Amino acid sequence: MILEALGAAVLGLLLAWAATTRLAHRLPARPLVLSTGAAGALLGDFVTHSALGSDFTVIPFLGAAIISAASLSLLLRPSRARRSLTA
């Protein structure tokens, strides 16, 4: 159980790190993004593990990745590029 939680937290940190490298201009401060990614992955792992039980090993990590990505997407700001209204 501890290794599953640590694995989910590392997965969330990796997703958050990838988001900060690709979308740094659209995200807030890096510590907020990293902690949101880890917390979202832990929540996703907990929810999936609670719903399915302890028989599954890979599926809770999928749930962790989905909830982590969803929570990271809530931090995105609109891009600064403005489109022309006449086009």
Protein backbone atom coordinates (compact mmCIF):
# COMPACT_ATOMS: atom_id res chain seq x y z
CA MET A 1 0.00 0.00 0.00
CA ILE A 2 2.83 2.39 0.83
CA LEU A 3 4.63 1.57 -2.41
CA GLU A 4 1.43 2.13 -4.36
CA ALA A 5 0.99 5.57 -2.79
CA LEU A 6 4.62 6.48 -3.42
CA GLY A 7 4.33 5.31 -7.01
CA ALA A 8 1.21 7.39 -7.52
CA ALA A 9 2.89 10.45 -6.01
CA VAL A 10 5.89 10.01 -8.30
CA LEU A 11 3.57 9.59 -11.27
CA GLY A 12 1.80 12.83 -10.35
CA LEU A 13 5.11 14.64 -9.98
CA LEU A 14 6.22 13.40 -13.39
CA LEU A 15 2.99 14.57 -15.00
CA ALA A 16 3.30 17.95 -13.29
CA TRP A 17 6.94 18.29 -14.34
CA ALA A 18 5.99 17.49 -17.95
CA ALA A 19 3.23 20.09 -17.80
CA THR A 20 5.57 22.76 -16.45
CA THR A 21 8.15 22.12 -19.15
CA ARG A 22 5.60 22.21 -21.99
CA LEU A 23 3.14 24.81 -20.69
CA ALA A 24 5.18 27.02 -18.36
CA HIS A 25 3.70 30.22 -19.82
CA ARG A 26 0.13 29.09 -19.04
CA LEU A 27 0.63 27.72 -15.51
CA PRO A 28 1.12 29.41 -12.12
CA ALA A 29 4.23 28.94 -9.96
CA ARG A 30 6.04 25.61 -10.24
CA PRO A 31 5.64 24.53 -6.56
CA LEU A 32 1.87 24.89 -6.87
CA VAL A 33 1.80 22.82 -10.04
CA LEU A 34 4.01 20.09 -8.60
CA SER A 35 2.00 19.81 -5.40
CA THR A 36 -1.28 19.78 -7.34
CA GLY A 37 -0.01 16.98 -9.56
CA ALA A 38 1.09 14.85 -6.61
CA ALA A 39 -2.10 15.51 -4.62
CA GLY A 40 -4.29 14.73 -7.63
CA ALA A 41 -2.46 11.47 -8.24
CA LEU A 42 -2.81 10.44 -4.59
CA LEU A 43 -6.52 11.26 -4.68
CA GLY A 44 -6.99 9.33 -7.91
CA ASP A 45 -5.12 6.35 -6.52
CA PHE A 46 -7.21 6.42 -3.35
CA VAL A 47 -10.52 6.66 -5.20
CA THR A 48 -9.63 3.92 -7.68
CA HIS A 49 -8.21 1.66 -4.99
CA SER A 50 -11.31 2.17 -2.83
CA ALA A 51 -13.69 1.46 -5.70
CA LEU A 52 -11.96 -1.62 -7.10
CA GLY A 53 -10.27 -3.12 -4.06
CA SER A 54 -6.73 -4.34 -3.65
CA ASP A 55 -6.86 -7.07 -6.31
CA PHE A 56 -5.78 -4.73 -9.11
CA THR A 57 -2.24 -3.39 -9.40
CA VAL A 58 -2.06 -1.31 -12.58
CA ILE A 59 -5.55 0.18 -12.76
CA PRO A 60 -5.16 2.46 -9.69
CA PHE A 61 -2.18 4.07 -11.43
CA LEU A 62 -4.39 4.76 -14.42
CA GLY A 63 -6.92 6.42 -12.13
CA ALA A 64 -4.10 8.38 -10.51
CA ALA A 65 -2.91 9.64 -13.89
CA ILE A 66 -6.42 10.65 -14.96
CA ILE A 67 -7.25 12.58 -11.79
CA SER A 68 -3.80 14.19 -11.73
CA ALA A 69 -4.15 15.37 -15.32
CA ALA A 70 -7.64 16.66 -14.62
CA SER A 71 -6.50 18.62 -11.57
CA LEU A 72 -3.54 20.05 -13.50
CA SER A 73 -5.84 21.14 -16.29
CA LEU A 74 -7.76 23.27 -13.79
CA LEU A 75 -4.62 25.37 -13.28
CA LEU A 76 -4.26 26.33 -16.94
CA ARG A 77 -4.74 29.97 -17.85
CA PRO A 78 -5.88 31.14 -21.29
CA SER A 79 -3.12 31.79 -23.79
CA ARG A 80 -2.07 35.39 -24.30
CA ALA A 81 -2.23 35.23 -28.07
CA ARG A 82 -5.15 37.28 -29.30
CA ARG A 83 -6.91 36.50 -32.50
CA SER A 84 -7.95 39.20 -34.89
CA LEU A 85 -11.63 40.01 -34.72
CA THR A 86 -11.79 40.84 -38.42
CA ALA A 87 -10.52 37.49 -39.63
